[in-house]
């Protein structure tokens, strides 16, 4: 019952927020610059939440998320620019191909742990980048020209679906199995949880939504190049999750919003932007090493204010 109320409450809030922003855009109160900033913010939130399910919920340290972003970006661009197919279908295809790539990488590599898994996923991300770098069909090093099709509506709908799916997955028995793996994989295995299956499943779901973000990303910047999906892009996504708090979906969202705002308004000052990034991270790690939200959710604090309990400290989200 509480989860149903949370679901409808979140959905109503999302619809109201979308309507307000769309009205501001329609009446030119928010110009193209702010619309692009909102779209980029939505893409970054999708990336943060998709990595959150891998690192924050399942506890698998992956630093190759930009590879799945690249797969989604290039596949969706091929569907729209080469095959002349509808944009929504291209986004879905990008997500599916990224999920398949996640399965391809996850099945052999998720038997690894810690640093070894990080190195394996890093290697995958670089392999994907080099592959696209050497394929002339998608422009090679020069990049691929892509029509601008991403709108605030597409970005927001994809964002809401991502949050709802991952939140509901986390609150399900499957999500609790992933949390058990994060807390103690050996104990989870001893209790009969198929640890390899759940790690691969979480990896595939995270990869799917990274691919969806890739489809939105490629159709928002007119041109995509392999250099857009390098190691530093994976680190940017990782920072969203770590800064927000490992195990907190709300924290990933807040961190993505905060860092996107800093990046957007300091984009003309590249050196200053990196200094601000560094300062924010240093201050958080010094005074809030568990991240902005730790393992808490916004609903936990709302529960305290309203005298009820909404969520728990094990990474369970009651957004949906």
Protein backbone atom coordinates (compact mmCIF):
# COMPACT_ATOMS: atom_id res chain seq x y z
CA UNK A 1 0.00 0.00 0.00
CA UNK A 2 2.79 2.40 0.94
CA UNK A 3 4.67 1.54 -2.25
CA UNK A 4 1.53 2.19 -4.32
CA UNK A 5 1.13 5.61 -2.70
CA UNK A 6 4.82 6.35 -3.31
CA UNK A 7 4.46 5.31 -6.95
CA UNK A 8 1.46 7.54 -7.63
CA UNK A 9 2.95 10.38 -5.61
CA UNK A 10 6.17 10.24 -7.64
CA UNK A 11 4.26 9.98 -10.92
CA UNK A 12 2.02 12.97 -10.12
CA UNK A 13 5.02 15.02 -9.03
CA UNK A 14 6.85 14.07 -12.25
CA UNK A 15 3.88 15.05 -14.44
CA UNK A 16 3.52 18.41 -12.67
CA UNK A 17 7.25 19.10 -12.95
CA UNK A 18 7.25 18.18 -16.66
CA UNK A 19 4.20 20.38 -17.35
CA UNK A 20 5.77 23.39 -15.62
CA UNK A 21 9.09 23.05 -17.48
CA UNK A 22 7.36 22.41 -20.81
CA UNK A 23 5.21 25.53 -20.33
CA UNK A 24 8.30 27.61 -19.57
CA UNK A 25 9.97 26.28 -22.73
CA UNK A 26 6.85 26.83 -24.87
CA UNK A 27 6.52 30.46 -23.77
CA UNK A 28 10.28 31.02 -24.35
CA UNK A 29 10.87 31.82 -20.70
CA UNK A 30 13.52 29.09 -20.79
CA UNK A 31 15.63 29.53 -23.93
CA UNK A 32 17.60 26.94 -25.90
CA UNK A 33 20.56 27.11 -23.51
CA UNK A 34 18.48 26.14 -20.49
CA UNK A 35 16.58 23.48 -22.42
CA UNK A 36 19.87 21.87 -23.47
CA UNK A 37 21.08 22.08 -19.86
CA UNK A 38 17.92 20.27 -18.69
CA UNK A 39 18.33 17.58 -21.35
CA UNK A 40 21.98 17.06 -20.40
CA UNK A 41 20.94 16.89 -16.74
CA UNK A 42 18.37 14.18 -17.56
CA UNK A 43 20.98 12.19 -19.53
CA UNK A 44 23.46 12.42 -16.66
CA UNK A 45 20.83 11.31 -14.14
CA UNK A 46 20.01 8.27 -16.31
CA UNK A 47 23.72 7.40 -16.47
CA UNK A 48 24.14 7.86 -12.72
CA UNK A 49 21.10 5.74 -11.86
CA UNK A 50 22.11 3.03 -14.34
CA UNK A 51 25.56 2.75 -12.74
CA UNK A 52 24.00 2.96 -9.27
CA UNK A 53 22.34 -0.43 -9.76
CA UNK A 54 25.74 -2.00 -10.57
CA UNK A 55 27.92 -0.34 -7.92
CA UNK A 56 25.53 0.94 -5.28
CA UNK A 57 23.07 -1.97 -5.17
CA UNK A 58 25.08 -5.00 -6.31
CA UNK A 59 28.49 -3.78 -5.14
CA UNK A 60 30.36 -4.49 -8.40
CA UNK A 61 33.02 -1.90 -9.17
CA UNK A 62 32.73 -1.02 -12.87
CA UNK A 63 34.61 1.77 -14.62
CA UNK A 64 33.68 0.98 -18.21
CA UNK A 65 30.19 2.50 -18.29
CA UNK A 66 31.15 4.87 -21.11
CA UNK A 67 31.48 1.80 -23.34
CA UNK A 68 27.75 1.03 -22.99
CA UNK A 69 26.98 4.71 -23.53
CA UNK A 70 28.97 4.51 -26.78
CA UNK A 71 27.14 1.37 -27.95
CA UNK A 72 23.77 3.03 -27.39
CA UNK A 73 24.90 6.26 -29.05
CA UNK A 74 26.26 4.67 -32.22
CA UNK A 75 23.52 2.03 -32.63
CA UNK A 76 20.76 4.62 -32.27
CA UNK A 77 22.57 6.96 -34.67
CA UNK A 78 22.83 4.16 -37.25
CA UNK A 79 19.09 3.46 -36.90
CA UNK A 80 18.10 7.09 -37.51
CA UNK A 81 20.79 8.31 -39.91
CA UNK A 82 21.57 5.18 -41.95
CA UNK A 83 18.35 3.18 -41.76
CA UNK A 84 15.95 6.15 -41.46
CA UNK A 85 13.98 4.54 -38.63
CA UNK A 86 11.98 6.43 -35.96
CA UNK A 87 13.87 7.96 -33.05
CA UNK A 88 11.98 6.07 -30.27
CA UNK A 89 12.82 2.78 -31.98
CA UNK A 90 16.44 3.88 -32.25
CA UNK A 91 16.60 4.62 -28.52
CA UNK A 92 15.15 1.19 -27.72
CA UNK A 93 17.58 -0.51 -30.12
CA UNK A 94 20.52 1.33 -28.54
CA UNK A 95 19.43 0.15 -25.10
CA UNK A 96 18.99 -3.47 -26.23
CA UNK A 97 22.38 -3.61 -27.95
CA UNK A 98 24.02 -2.08 -24.88
CA UNK A 99 22.31 -4.71 -22.70
CA UNK A 100 23.61 -7.47 -24.99
CA UNK A 101 27.07 -5.95 -24.72
CA UNK A 102 26.60 -5.93 -20.95
CA UNK A 103 25.76 -9.64 -21.02
CA UNK A 104 28.74 -10.35 -23.27
CA UNK A 105 31.08 -8.61 -20.86
CA UNK A 106 29.30 -9.52 -17.65
CA UNK A 107 29.11 -13.29 -17.98
CA UNK A 108 32.89 -13.84 -18.04
CA UNK A 109 34.08 -10.80 -16.09
CA UNK A 110 31.64 -10.71 -13.15
CA UNK A 111 33.27 -13.81 -11.73
CA UNK A 112 36.06 -11.38 -10.90
CA UNK A 113 36.01 -9.08 -7.89
CA UNK A 114 37.33 -5.70 -6.81
CA UNK A 115 40.28 -4.31 -8.74
CA UNK A 116 40.26 -7.18 -11.24
CA UNK A 117 36.66 -6.46 -12.21
CA UNK A 118 37.45 -2.74 -12.53
CA UNK A 119 40.35 -3.49 -14.88
CA UNK A 120 38.18 -5.86 -16.97
CA UNK A 121 35.39 -3.30 -17.40
CA UNK A 122 37.93 -0.56 -18.14
CA UNK A 123 39.38 -2.77 -20.86
CA UNK A 124 35.93 -3.31 -22.35
CA UNK A 125 35.25 0.43 -22.48
CA UNK A 126 38.52 1.07 -24.31
CA UNK A 127 37.91 -1.83 -26.74
CA UNK A 128 34.51 -0.37 -27.68
CA UNK A 129 36.05 3.07 -28.24
CA UNK A 130 38.83 1.66 -30.44
CA UNK A 131 36.36 -0.45 -32.44
CA UNK A 132 34.23 2.58 -33.32
CA UNK A 133 37.40 4.56 -34.00
CA UNK A 134 38.29 2.13 -36.80
CA UNK A 135 34.88 1.64 -38.43
CA UNK A 136 34.49 3.92 -41.46
CA UNK A 137 30.75 3.20 -41.65
CA UNK A 138 30.23 5.37 -38.54
CA UNK A 139 32.81 7.99 -39.50
CA UNK A 140 35.85 6.61 -37.72
CA UNK A 141 37.94 9.18 -35.88
CA UNK A 142 36.19 12.07 -37.65
CA UNK A 143 32.90 11.13 -36.03
CA UNK A 144 29.36 10.67 -37.27
CA UNK A 145 26.94 13.47 -38.10
CA UNK A 146 23.64 13.04 -36.25
CA UNK A 147 20.41 15.04 -36.55
CA UNK A 148 19.16 16.78 -33.42
CA UNK A 149 16.13 14.77 -32.29
CA UNK A 150 16.44 14.73 -28.51
CA UNK A 151 13.85 16.96 -26.87
CA UNK A 152 12.96 17.72 -23.28
CA UNK A 153 9.98 15.37 -23.62
CA UNK A 154 12.03 12.39 -24.81
CA UNK A 155 14.69 12.99 -22.16
CA UNK A 156 12.18 13.35 -19.31
CA UNK A 157 10.12 10.30 -20.27
CA UNK A 158 13.27 8.15 -20.45
CA UNK A 159 14.40 9.56 -17.10
CA UNK A 160 11.13 8.74 -15.33
CA UNK A 161 11.04 5.22 -16.78
CA UNK A 162 14.64 4.63 -15.69
CA UNK A 163 14.00 5.73 -12.10
CA UNK A 164 10.76 3.74 -11.83
CA UNK A 165 12.26 0.53 -13.21
CA UNK A 166 15.42 0.62 -11.11
CA UNK A 167 13.55 1.68 -7.97
CA UNK A 168 11.04 -1.14 -8.36
CA UNK A 169 13.79 -3.64 -9.15
CA UNK A 170 15.62 -2.60 -5.97
CA UNK A 171 12.49 -3.06 -3.86
CA UNK A 172 11.74 -6.48 -5.36
CA UNK A 173 13.07 -9.83 -4.14
CA UNK A 174 15.62 -9.67 -6.95
CA UNK A 175 16.86 -6.30 -5.73
CA UNK A 176 17.16 -7.60 -2.18
CA UNK A 177 19.23 -10.50 -3.51
CA UNK A 178 21.55 -7.95 -5.15
CA UNK A 179 21.81 -6.03 -1.87
CA UNK A 180 22.67 -9.29 -0.09
CA UNK A 181 25.47 -9.85 -2.61
CA UNK A 182 26.75 -6.33 -1.96
CA UNK A 183 26.79 -6.84 1.80
CA UNK A 184 28.39 -10.31 1.82
CA UNK A 185 28.68 -12.33 -1.37
CA UNK A 186 29.89 -15.49 0.38
CA UNK A 187 26.97 -15.44 2.83
CA UNK A 188 24.52 -14.74 -0.01
CA UNK A 189 25.89 -17.69 -1.96
CA UNK A 190 25.62 -19.90 1.13
CA UNK A 191 21.96 -18.91 1.49
CA UNK A 192 21.25 -20.21 -2.02
CA UNK A 193 21.32 -16.93 -3.98
CA UNK A 194 22.64 -17.38 -7.51
CA UNK A 195 25.24 -14.62 -7.20
CA UNK A 196 26.51 -14.83 -10.78
CA UNK A 197 22.97 -14.60 -12.22
CA UNK A 198 22.05 -11.54 -10.16
CA UNK A 199 25.32 -9.76 -10.84
CA UNK A 200 24.93 -10.31 -14.57
CA UNK A 201 21.24 -9.27 -14.44
CA UNK A 202 22.07 -6.01 -12.64
CA UNK A 203 24.90 -5.40 -15.08
CA UNK A 204 22.59 -5.95 -18.08
CA UNK A 205 19.88 -3.63 -16.67
CA UNK A 206 22.45 -0.91 -15.97
CA UNK A 207 23.89 -1.36 -19.46
CA UNK A 208 20.44 -1.10 -21.06
CA UNK A 209 19.72 2.28 -19.51
CA UNK A 210 23.25 3.49 -20.28
CA UNK A 211 22.46 2.62 -23.91
CA UNK A 212 19.20 4.59 -23.70
CA UNK A 213 21.20 7.56 -22.39
CA UNK A 214 23.57 7.05 -25.33
CA UNK A 215 20.69 7.36 -27.79
CA UNK A 216 19.61 10.64 -26.21
CA UNK A 217 23.23 11.83 -26.03
CA UNK A 218 24.04 11.17 -29.69
CA UNK A 219 20.95 13.00 -30.95
CA UNK A 220 21.57 16.03 -28.78
CA UNK A 221 25.06 17.04 -29.95
CA UNK A 222 24.84 16.75 -33.78
CA UNK A 223 28.09 14.78 -33.95
CA UNK A 224 29.50 11.86 -31.99
CA UNK A 225 33.16 10.86 -31.90
CA UNK A 226 34.96 7.99 -30.15
CA UNK A 227 36.78 10.55 -28.01
CA UNK A 228 33.43 11.40 -26.35
CA UNK A 229 33.41 7.96 -24.71
CA UNK A 230 36.87 7.63 -23.24
CA UNK A 231 38.05 6.65 -19.78
CA UNK A 232 37.33 10.11 -18.34
CA UNK A 233 33.66 9.82 -19.30
CA UNK A 234 33.42 6.63 -17.23
CA UNK A 235 35.06 8.46 -14.33
CA UNK A 236 32.53 11.31 -14.65
CA UNK A 237 29.67 8.82 -14.31
CA UNK A 238 31.40 7.07 -11.41
CA UNK A 239 31.76 10.41 -9.61
CA UNK A 240 27.97 10.92 -9.71
CA UNK A 241 27.43 7.65 -7.84
CA UNK A 242 30.26 8.05 -5.32
CA UNK A 243 29.46 11.68 -4.59
CA UNK A 244 25.76 10.93 -4.09
CA UNK A 245 26.43 7.98 -1.82
CA UNK A 246 26.91 4.32 -2.68
CA UNK A 247 23.55 2.64 -2.27
CA UNK A 248 21.42 5.78 -2.58
CA UNK A 249 19.36 6.32 -5.73
CA UNK A 250 18.35 9.79 -4.51
CA UNK A 251 22.01 10.61 -3.88
CA UNK A 252 22.96 9.66 -7.45
CA UNK A 253 20.21 11.92 -8.79
CA UNK A 254 21.22 14.86 -6.58
CA UNK A 255 24.92 14.49 -7.41
CA UNK A 256 24.19 14.33 -11.15
CA UNK A 257 22.09 17.51 -10.91
CA UNK A 258 24.70 19.35 -8.83
CA UNK A 259 27.68 18.46 -11.04
CA UNK A 260 25.75 19.09 -14.26
CA UNK A 261 24.90 22.60 -13.07
CA UNK A 262 28.55 23.27 -12.17
CA UNK A 263 29.74 21.87 -15.50
CA UNK A 264 27.14 23.76 -17.57
CA UNK A 265 27.72 27.20 -16.12
CA UNK A 266 31.51 26.83 -16.16
CA UNK A 267 31.81 25.25 -19.62
CA UNK A 268 33.61 28.33 -20.96
CA UNK A 269 36.22 27.92 -18.23
CA UNK A 270 37.46 24.36 -18.58
CA UNK A 271 40.28 24.70 -16.03
CA UNK A 272 38.00 26.37 -13.47
CA UNK A 273 35.39 23.66 -13.98
CA UNK A 274 37.86 20.91 -13.15
CA UNK A 275 39.05 22.84 -10.09
CA UNK A 276 35.46 23.16 -8.88
CA UNK A 277 34.90 19.45 -9.50
CA UNK A 278 37.99 18.66 -7.47
CA UNK A 279 37.04 20.99 -4.62
CA UNK A 280 33.54 19.54 -4.37
CA UNK A 281 34.91 15.99 -4.26
CA UNK A 282 37.62 16.83 -1.71
CA UNK A 283 35.17 18.58 0.61
CA UNK A 284 32.67 15.73 0.39
CA UNK A 285 35.28 13.05 1.00
CA UNK A 286 36.65 15.01 4.00
CA UNK A 287 33.38 15.90 5.69
CA UNK A 288 30.97 13.35 4.22
CA UNK A 289 33.00 10.28 3.18
CA UNK A 290 29.84 8.18 2.77
CA UNK A 291 28.59 10.62 0.10
CA UNK A 292 25.88 13.25 0.19
CA UNK A 293 23.11 10.77 1.08
CA UNK A 294 25.09 7.74 2.27
CA UNK A 295 22.67 4.81 1.93
CA UNK A 296 19.65 6.98 2.77
CA UNK A 297 16.92 8.13 0.43
CA UNK A 298 14.95 11.37 0.29
CA UNK A 299 11.93 9.36 1.45
CA UNK A 300 13.78 8.48 4.68
CA UNK A 301 13.97 12.16 5.60
CA UNK A 302 10.40 12.76 4.48
CA UNK A 303 9.35 9.90 6.75
CA UNK A 304 11.03 11.55 9.72
CA UNK A 305 9.32 14.85 9.01
CA UNK A 306 5.90 13.22 8.66
CA UNK A 307 6.40 10.81 11.56
CA UNK A 308 6.53 7.66 9.44
CA UNK A 309 9.19 5.35 8.07
CA UNK A 310 9.78 5.50 4.32
CA UNK A 311 12.58 3.24 3.18
CA UNK A 312 15.53 1.81 5.06
CA UNK A 313 19.30 2.06 5.31
CA UNK A 314 20.00 -1.06 3.23
CA UNK A 315 19.61 0.73 -0.07
CA UNK A 316 15.90 0.07 -0.57
CA UNK A 317 14.07 2.88 -2.34
CA UNK A 318 10.41 3.71 -1.88
CA UNK A 319 10.22 6.10 -4.81
CA UNK A 320 8.06 3.56 -6.59
